[in-house]
């Protein structure tokens, strides 16, 4: 079996390596890895006292307090790192004040009264409290997280909390005998191995969650139009095709609107392409705001937008399209420096039962051309 100095050295080395990995991810992934810089600092604060002990650092009261002074920040940084990573405020000042005051009380009790047991209980309790804060943030964020990362992080946090709770409970019930028990026999190796496993779980969880964010961002970039913020063709088909298939199986109504901004070239010619881009963004946001949650809204290119409306019959689709036409015209009229009289034409098609998108789109596009031919600024139902 490995002796205590060797285990401490392994703990210090492992946490150092995990810190390097975490810092590399923070630098490489940017905002997708926010909080990993703080986690890196937490790992360093664990590795430093472990390294000092492995090298035979003195176990006098003063030396123990120095090691605790490094260990306490790791507790607080753990809670801050998890909260930052999951998008919650770090509350750095609050945590720093609590940690500093707790450490000061524990240190004074140890130096002035020799209460080593009190110090162990207080610091272990602080550690558990910080872990509970991190676990609470994880539970709050869990609905928007996916994959193995949340589970691994929860396992690591619970493991650390159980270890520290056991330490505090042992001291509380056993008193001075507990201190000798906690530093002898198999207890220290078990504590060190448990700590290594828990910190590794949390670090791997951070890595999995950060890479999942990158994957989702890449998918969003591939499926969304950056100018309007709406889905592009690829993103539209990812959502629309299953909806059309479901409508066909259930013999349910479905409608498709193809929207084109009238005289958009005049807007670009008179106001410049930057004004045109601004108009596209405004119209995209307005279409999304007017649509229902179940509707699929996309920009197909240029000034053309499409809206797929599941469970919508021809009359309901026509009323909705008229509302969209008026909303788009109002949005364009509200753009400063834009030419007056800008409107939108809409081609609409409704179907029930099995329907293929190409056929629906062709019919809606033909209706759109008819709306243009009849004078624009109108809805034509195919």
Protein backbone atom coordinates (compact mmCIF):
# COMPACT_ATOMS: atom_id res chain seq x y z
CA UNK A 1 0.00 0.00 0.00
CA UNK A 2 1.20 3.54 -0.76
CA UNK A 3 2.34 5.50 2.25
CA UNK A 4 0.87 8.87 3.17
CA UNK A 5 3.62 11.09 1.66
CA UNK A 6 3.34 9.22 -1.63
CA UNK A 7 -0.43 9.59 -1.70
CA UNK A 8 -0.08 13.28 -0.94
CA UNK A 9 2.43 13.63 -3.77
CA UNK A 10 0.06 11.81 -6.15
CA UNK A 11 -2.80 14.09 -5.03
CA UNK A 12 -0.69 17.21 -5.61
CA UNK A 13 0.51 15.96 -9.01
CA UNK A 14 -2.98 14.95 -10.16
CA UNK A 15 -4.53 18.25 -9.14
CA UNK A 16 -1.71 20.10 -10.85
CA UNK A 17 -2.35 18.20 -14.08
CA UNK A 18 -6.10 18.78 -13.81
CA UNK A 19 -5.42 22.47 -13.21
CA UNK A 20 -3.38 22.64 -16.41
CA UNK A 21 -6.18 20.95 -18.36
CA UNK A 22 -8.83 23.25 -16.88
CA UNK A 23 -6.77 26.37 -17.59
CA UNK A 24 -6.11 25.24 -21.17
CA UNK A 25 -9.83 24.79 -21.72
CA UNK A 26 -10.59 28.19 -20.22
CA UNK A 27 -8.12 29.83 -22.58
CA UNK A 28 -9.16 27.80 -25.61
CA UNK A 29 -12.94 27.84 -25.25
CA UNK A 30 -13.44 31.39 -23.98
CA UNK A 31 -16.91 32.13 -22.62
CA UNK A 32 -18.00 28.52 -23.07
CA UNK A 33 -15.61 27.67 -20.25
CA UNK A 34 -16.26 30.61 -17.94
CA UNK A 35 -15.64 29.54 -14.36
CA UNK A 36 -12.87 27.12 -15.30
CA UNK A 37 -10.25 29.73 -14.44
CA UNK A 38 -11.68 29.86 -10.93
CA UNK A 39 -11.75 26.06 -10.78
CA UNK A 40 -8.09 26.04 -11.80
CA UNK A 41 -7.29 28.26 -8.84
CA UNK A 42 -9.28 25.93 -6.57
CA UNK A 43 -7.27 22.92 -7.75
CA UNK A 44 -4.01 24.78 -7.17
CA UNK A 45 -5.13 25.58 -3.63
CA UNK A 46 -5.68 21.86 -3.05
CA UNK A 47 -2.41 20.83 -4.67
CA UNK A 48 -0.24 23.34 -2.75
CA UNK A 49 -0.82 22.07 0.82
CA UNK A 50 -0.71 18.46 -0.40
CA UNK A 51 2.68 19.13 -1.97
CA UNK A 52 3.95 20.78 1.22
CA UNK A 53 2.89 17.79 3.29
CA UNK A 54 4.40 15.35 0.81
CA UNK A 55 7.73 17.14 1.13
CA UNK A 56 7.67 16.72 4.91
CA UNK A 57 6.46 20.20 5.77
CA UNK A 58 6.32 20.74 9.54
CA UNK A 59 3.12 19.70 11.34
CA UNK A 60 3.36 22.39 13.99
CA UNK A 61 0.27 24.46 14.74
CA UNK A 62 1.60 27.34 12.66
CA UNK A 63 2.33 25.05 9.70
CA UNK A 64 -1.16 23.54 9.87
CA UNK A 65 -2.71 27.00 9.86
CA UNK A 66 -0.67 27.91 6.78
CA UNK A 67 -1.93 24.78 5.02
CA UNK A 68 -5.49 25.61 6.08
CA UNK A 69 -5.02 29.12 4.72
CA UNK A 70 -4.47 27.51 1.32
CA UNK A 71 -7.21 24.95 1.74
CA UNK A 72 -9.97 27.39 2.72
CA UNK A 73 -9.82 29.37 -0.57
CA UNK A 74 -10.23 26.11 -2.50
CA UNK A 75 -13.59 25.57 -0.78
CA UNK A 76 -14.87 29.01 -1.67
CA UNK A 77 -13.46 28.92 -5.19
CA UNK A 78 -15.27 25.65 -5.83
CA UNK A 79 -18.65 27.26 -5.14
CA UNK A 80 -17.77 30.38 -7.14
CA UNK A 81 -16.47 28.33 -10.09
CA UNK A 82 -19.62 26.22 -10.35
CA UNK A 83 -21.92 29.22 -10.05
CA UNK A 84 -19.99 31.16 -12.70
CA UNK A 85 -19.85 28.20 -15.06
CA UNK A 86 -23.59 27.63 -14.78
CA UNK A 87 -24.41 31.29 -15.39
CA UNK A 88 -25.18 32.45 -11.87
CA UNK A 89 -23.51 35.44 -10.12
CA UNK A 90 -20.26 34.40 -8.44
CA UNK A 91 -20.96 36.32 -5.20
CA UNK A 92 -17.19 36.56 -4.72
CA UNK A 93 -17.27 39.19 -1.99
CA UNK A 94 -19.87 37.34 0.05
CA UNK A 95 -17.99 34.05 -0.13
CA UNK A 96 -14.65 35.74 0.58
CA UNK A 97 -16.03 37.48 3.66
CA UNK A 98 -17.55 34.25 5.01
CA UNK A 99 -14.36 32.27 4.37
CA UNK A 100 -12.08 34.90 5.90
CA UNK A 101 -14.17 35.29 9.04
CA UNK A 102 -14.56 31.51 9.45
CA UNK A 103 -10.84 30.93 9.06
CA UNK A 104 -10.03 33.74 11.47
CA UNK A 105 -12.30 32.24 14.14
CA UNK A 106 -10.85 28.76 13.64
CA UNK A 107 -7.26 30.03 13.70
CA UNK A 108 -7.78 32.10 16.86
CA UNK A 109 -9.44 29.17 18.62
CA UNK A 110 -6.50 26.95 17.70
CA UNK A 111 -3.75 29.41 18.65
CA UNK A 112 -5.29 30.86 21.80
CA UNK A 113 -7.10 27.84 23.21
CA UNK A 114 -5.53 24.90 21.41
CA UNK A 115 -8.92 23.77 20.12
CA UNK A 116 -7.81 21.60 17.20
CA UNK A 117 -11.14 19.78 17.26
CA UNK A 118 -13.02 23.06 16.91
CA UNK A 119 -10.87 24.03 13.91
CA UNK A 120 -11.51 20.70 12.19
CA UNK A 121 -15.27 20.93 12.68
CA UNK A 122 -15.53 24.56 11.60
CA UNK A 123 -13.45 24.17 8.45
CA UNK A 124 -15.12 20.90 7.48
CA UNK A 125 -18.52 22.57 7.95
CA UNK A 126 -17.44 25.49 5.77
CA UNK A 127 -16.33 23.03 3.10
CA UNK A 128 -19.67 21.22 3.21
CA UNK A 129 -21.54 24.53 3.00
CA UNK A 130 -19.58 25.56 -0.11
CA UNK A 131 -20.24 22.18 -1.70
CA UNK A 132 -23.96 22.49 -0.96
CA UNK A 133 -23.95 25.91 -2.65
CA UNK A 134 -22.37 24.37 -5.73
CA UNK A 135 -24.80 21.46 -5.71
CA UNK A 136 -27.75 23.84 -5.37
CA UNK A 137 -26.56 25.80 -8.42
CA UNK A 138 -26.19 22.52 -10.34
CA UNK A 139 -29.74 21.45 -9.46
CA UNK A 140 -31.12 24.83 -10.53
CA UNK A 141 -29.32 24.62 -13.87
CA UNK A 142 -30.01 20.92 -14.45
CA UNK A 143 -33.05 21.37 -16.76
CA UNK A 144 -30.83 23.10 -19.35
CA UNK A 145 -27.90 20.70 -19.02
CA UNK A 146 -27.43 17.42 -20.87
CA UNK A 147 -25.15 14.42 -20.96
CA UNK A 148 -23.01 12.80 -18.30
CA UNK A 149 -21.44 16.06 -17.06
CA UNK A 150 -24.13 17.05 -14.50
CA UNK A 151 -24.16 13.55 -12.99
CA UNK A 152 -20.37 13.44 -12.65
CA UNK A 153 -20.31 16.87 -11.05
CA UNK A 154 -23.05 15.88 -8.60
CA UNK A 155 -21.17 12.67 -7.72
CA UNK A 156 -17.97 14.62 -7.06
CA UNK A 157 -19.69 17.24 -4.92
CA UNK A 158 -21.65 14.67 -2.91
CA UNK A 159 -18.51 12.56 -2.38
CA UNK A 160 -16.57 15.53 -1.03
CA UNK A 161 -19.50 16.60 1.14
CA UNK A 162 -19.83 13.11 2.64
CA UNK A 163 -16.10 12.94 3.40
CA UNK A 164 -16.10 16.32 5.14
CA UNK A 165 -19.36 15.60 6.98
CA UNK A 166 -17.88 12.34 8.25
CA UNK A 167 -14.77 14.18 9.48
CA UNK A 168 -16.84 16.77 11.31
CA UNK A 169 -19.18 14.18 12.82
CA UNK A 170 -16.26 12.02 13.97
CA UNK A 171 -14.67 14.94 15.78
CA UNK A 172 -17.94 16.05 17.32
CA UNK A 173 -18.74 12.64 18.78
CA UNK A 174 -15.25 11.38 19.55
CA UNK A 175 -13.52 14.57 20.69
CA UNK A 176 -9.73 14.47 21.12
CA UNK A 177 -9.58 10.77 20.26
CA UNK A 178 -11.03 11.55 16.87
CA UNK A 179 -8.07 13.73 15.90
CA UNK A 180 -5.68 10.83 16.49
CA UNK A 181 -8.06 8.51 14.66
CA UNK A 182 -8.30 10.81 11.63
CA UNK A 183 -4.53 11.01 11.15
CA UNK A 184 -3.76 7.33 11.67
CA UNK A 185 -4.34 3.95 10.08
CA UNK A 186 -6.25 3.73 6.80
CA UNK A 187 -8.26 6.88 7.36
CA UNK A 188 -5.87 9.30 5.65
CA UNK A 189 -5.37 7.12 2.54
CA UNK A 190 -9.14 6.70 2.21
CA UNK A 191 -9.67 10.46 2.56
CA UNK A 192 -6.96 11.25 0.02
CA UNK A 193 -8.18 8.73 -2.55
CA UNK A 194 -11.78 9.92 -2.10
CA UNK A 195 -10.68 13.52 -2.58
CA UNK A 196 -8.71 12.63 -5.72
CA UNK A 197 -11.69 10.78 -7.21
CA UNK A 198 -14.13 13.55 -6.35
CA UNK A 199 -11.99 16.36 -7.76
CA UNK A 200 -11.33 14.33 -10.90
CA UNK A 201 -15.08 13.76 -11.34
CA UNK A 202 -15.78 17.48 -11.02
CA UNK A 203 -13.00 18.42 -13.46
CA UNK A 204 -14.17 15.86 -16.02
CA UNK A 205 -17.71 17.19 -15.56
CA UNK A 206 -16.52 20.72 -16.32
CA UNK A 207 -14.78 19.42 -19.45
CA UNK A 208 -17.87 17.52 -20.66
CA UNK A 209 -20.19 20.45 -20.03
CA UNK A 210 -17.84 22.93 -21.73
CA UNK A 211 -17.42 20.74 -24.81
CA UNK A 212 -21.19 20.23 -24.95
CA UNK A 213 -21.61 24.00 -24.99
CA UNK A 214 -19.18 24.23 -27.90
CA UNK A 215 -21.09 21.50 -29.75
CA UNK A 216 -24.40 23.31 -29.21
CA UNK A 217 -22.88 26.61 -30.32
CA UNK A 218 -21.53 25.01 -33.49
CA UNK A 219 -24.94 23.47 -34.17
CA UNK A 220 -26.59 26.85 -33.62
CA UNK A 221 -24.12 28.53 -36.00
CA UNK A 222 -24.87 25.89 -38.63
CA UNK A 223 -28.66 26.07 -38.24
CA UNK A 224 -29.31 29.78 -37.63
CA UNK A 225 -29.13 32.86 -39.78
CA UNK A 226 -26.74 35.27 -38.03
CA UNK A 227 -28.43 38.40 -39.37
CA UNK A 228 -32.05 37.78 -38.42
CA UNK A 229 -31.45 35.33 -35.58
CA UNK A 230 -34.00 32.99 -37.19
CA UNK A 231 -33.42 29.47 -38.41
CA UNK A 232 -31.77 29.04 -41.80
CA UNK A 233 -32.82 26.41 -44.34
CA UNK A 234 -30.95 23.63 -42.56
CA UNK A 235 -32.34 24.51 -39.15
CA UNK A 236 -35.82 24.90 -40.61
CA UNK A 237 -35.84 21.43 -42.12
CA UNK A 238 -34.53 19.86 -38.90
CA UNK A 239 -37.72 21.02 -37.16
CA UNK A 240 -40.21 21.25 -40.01
CA UNK A 241 -39.74 17.84 -41.61
CA UNK A 242 -40.65 15.88 -38.43
CA UNK A 243 -43.66 18.16 -37.90
CA UNK A 244 -44.88 17.54 -41.44
CA UNK A 245 -44.41 13.81 -41.01
CA UNK A 246 -46.38 13.90 -37.76
CA UNK A 247 -49.17 15.94 -39.37
CA UNK A 248 -49.37 13.35 -42.12
CA UNK A 249 -49.66 10.45 -39.71
CA UNK A 250 -52.35 12.18 -37.66
CA UNK A 251 -54.20 13.65 -40.63
CA UNK A 252 -53.76 17.06 -39.00
CA UNK A 253 -53.90 20.47 -40.71
CA UNK A 254 -50.72 22.39 -41.47
CA UNK A 255 -50.02 25.69 -43.21
CA UNK A 256 -46.98 27.33 -44.77
CA UNK A 257 -46.47 31.05 -45.36
CA UNK A 258 -43.76 32.47 -47.61
CA UNK A 259 -43.11 36.14 -46.85
CA UNK A 260 -41.20 38.52 -49.09
CA UNK A 261 -40.45 42.17 -48.32
CA UNK A 262 -41.72 44.44 -51.09
CA UNK A 263 -39.31 46.84 -52.80
CA UNK A 264 -36.47 45.80 -50.53
CA UNK A 265 -33.93 46.81 -53.17
CA UNK A 266 -35.17 50.39 -52.80
CA UNK A 267 -34.35 50.22 -49.10
CA UNK A 268 -30.81 49.05 -49.85
CA UNK A 269 -30.34 51.64 -52.61
CA UNK A 270 -31.60 54.60 -50.58
CA UNK A 271 -30.43 53.66 -47.10
CA UNK A 272 -27.44 51.44 -47.76
CA UNK A 273 -26.87 47.79 -47.02
CA UNK A 274 -26.38 48.45 -43.31
CA UNK A 275 -29.92 49.79 -43.12
CA UNK A 276 -31.12 46.78 -45.08
CA UNK A 277 -29.40 44.45 -42.63
CA UNK A 278 -30.99 46.32 -39.76
CA UNK A 279 -34.41 45.91 -41.39
CA UNK A 280 -33.89 42.18 -41.84
CA UNK A 281 -32.98 41.84 -38.16
CA UNK A 282 -36.02 43.88 -37.07
CA UNK A 283 -38.39 41.91 -39.28
CA UNK A 284 -36.94 38.60 -38.08
CA UNK A 285 -37.48 39.57 -34.45
CA UNK A 286 -41.02 40.74 -35.18
CA UNK A 287 -41.94 37.53 -37.00
CA UNK A 288 -40.65 35.50 -34.10
CA UNK A 289 -42.57 37.63 -31.60
CA UNK A 290 -45.83 37.31 -33.54
CA UNK A 291 -45.53 33.56 -34.07
CA UNK A 292 -46.54 30.83 -31.67
CA UNK A 293 -44.06 28.65 -29.84
CA UNK A 294 -44.94 25.67 -32.04
CA UNK A 295 -44.47 27.59 -35.31
CA UNK A 296 -41.20 27.18 -37.22
CA UNK A 297 -39.88 30.55 -38.43
CA UNK A 298 -36.90 30.85 -40.77
CA UNK A 299 -35.13 33.14 -43.18
CA UNK A 300 -34.53 31.42 -46.48
CA UNK A 301 -32.26 34.09 -47.91
CA UNK A 302 -32.36 37.71 -49.03
CA UNK A 303 -35.65 39.22 -47.92
CA UNK A 304 -37.59 35.94 -47.95
CA UNK A 305 -38.96 34.37 -44.77
CA UNK A 306 -41.06 31.25 -44.19
CA UNK A 307 -43.36 30.23 -41.34
CA UNK A 308 -44.62 26.67 -40.90
CA UNK A 309 -47.80 26.53 -38.80
CA UNK A 310 -48.73 23.08 -37.49
CA UNK A 311 -52.32 22.34 -36.44
CA UNK A 312 -53.54 25.38 -38.40
CA UNK A 313 -56.30 25.27 -40.99
CA UNK A 314 -56.68 27.56 -43.99
CA UNK A 315 -58.83 30.19 -42.25
CA UNK A 316 -56.64 30.34 -39.16
CA UNK A 317 -53.54 30.59 -41.34
CA UNK A 318 -55.07 33.39 -43.38
CA UNK A 319 -55.88 35.44 -40.28
CA UNK A 320 -52.39 34.83 -38.92
CA UNK A 321 -50.79 35.80 -42.25
CA UNK A 322 -52.76 39.05 -42.34
CA UNK A 323 -51.55 39.84 -38.85
CA UNK A 324 -47.99 39.12 -39.92
CA UNK A 325 -48.35 41.37 -42.97
CA UNK A 326 -49.52 44.29 -40.86
CA UNK A 327 -46.87 43.65 -38.20
CA UNK A 328 -44.04 43.59 -40.76
CA UNK A 329 -45.28 46.79 -42.39
CA UNK A 330 -45.44 48.48 -38.97
CA UNK A 331 -41.94 47.27 -38.13
CA UNK A 332 -40.52 48.62 -41.40
CA UNK A 333 -42.34 51.94 -40.92
CA UNK A 334 -40.70 52.29 -37.50
CA UNK A 335 -37.15 52.15 -38.86
CA UNK A 336 -35.54 55.58 -38.94
CA UNK A 337 -34.21 56.70 -42.35
CA UNK A 338 -36.11 53.91 -44.11
CA UNK A 339 -38.16 54.85 -47.20
CA UNK A 340 -41.86 55.14 -46.56
CA UNK A 341 -44.40 52.65 -47.83
CA UNK A 342 -42.36 49.48 -47.34
CA UNK A 343 -44.62 46.44 -47.10
CA UNK A 344 -44.62 42.65 -47.36
CA UNK A 345 -46.38 40.15 -49.60
CA UNK A 346 -47.32 36.68 -48.39
CA UNK A 347 -48.08 33.47 -50.24
CA UNK A 348 -50.02 30.97 -48.16
CA UNK A 349 -50.89 27.32 -48.54
CA UNK A 350 -52.81 25.02 -46.20
CA UNK A 351 -53.04 21.25 -46.30
CA UNK A 352 -54.27 18.29 -44.27
CA UNK A 353 -52.75 14.87 -43.97
CA UNK A 354 -49.58 13.74 -45.79
CA UNK A 355 -47.71 16.69 -47.29
CA UNK A 356 -44.18 17.08 -48.59
CA UNK A 357 -42.39 20.36 -48.03
CA UNK A 358 -41.24 20.87 -51.65
CA UNK A 359 -44.84 20.67 -52.87
CA UNK A 360 -46.11 23.01 -50.15
CA UNK A 361 -43.30 25.49 -50.77
CA UNK A 362 -43.91 25.49 -54.53
CA UNK A 363 -47.60 26.26 -54.07
CA UNK A 364 -46.91 28.99 -51.47
CA UNK A 365 -44.25 30.49 -53.73
CA UNK A 366 -46.69 30.60 -56.63
CA UNK A 367 -49.20 32.36 -54.38
CA UNK A 368 -46.49 34.84 -53.40
CA UNK A 369 -45.78 35.66 -57.05
CA UNK A 370 -49.51 36.18 -57.56
CA UNK A 371 -49.56 38.59 -54.60
CA UNK A 372 -46.68 40.54 -56.17
CA UNK A 373 -48.46 40.62 -59.54
CA UNK A 374 -51.69 41.88 -57.98
CA UNK A 375 -49.99 44.93 -56.47
CA UNK A 376 -48.00 43.63 -53.48
CA UNK A 377 -48.79 44.21 -49.78
CA UNK A 378 -51.33 41.41 -49.62
CA UNK A 379 -51.91 37.77 -48.68
CA UNK A 380 -52.81 35.28 -51.41
CA UNK A 381 -53.94 31.76 -50.49
CA UNK A 382 -53.04 29.01 -52.93
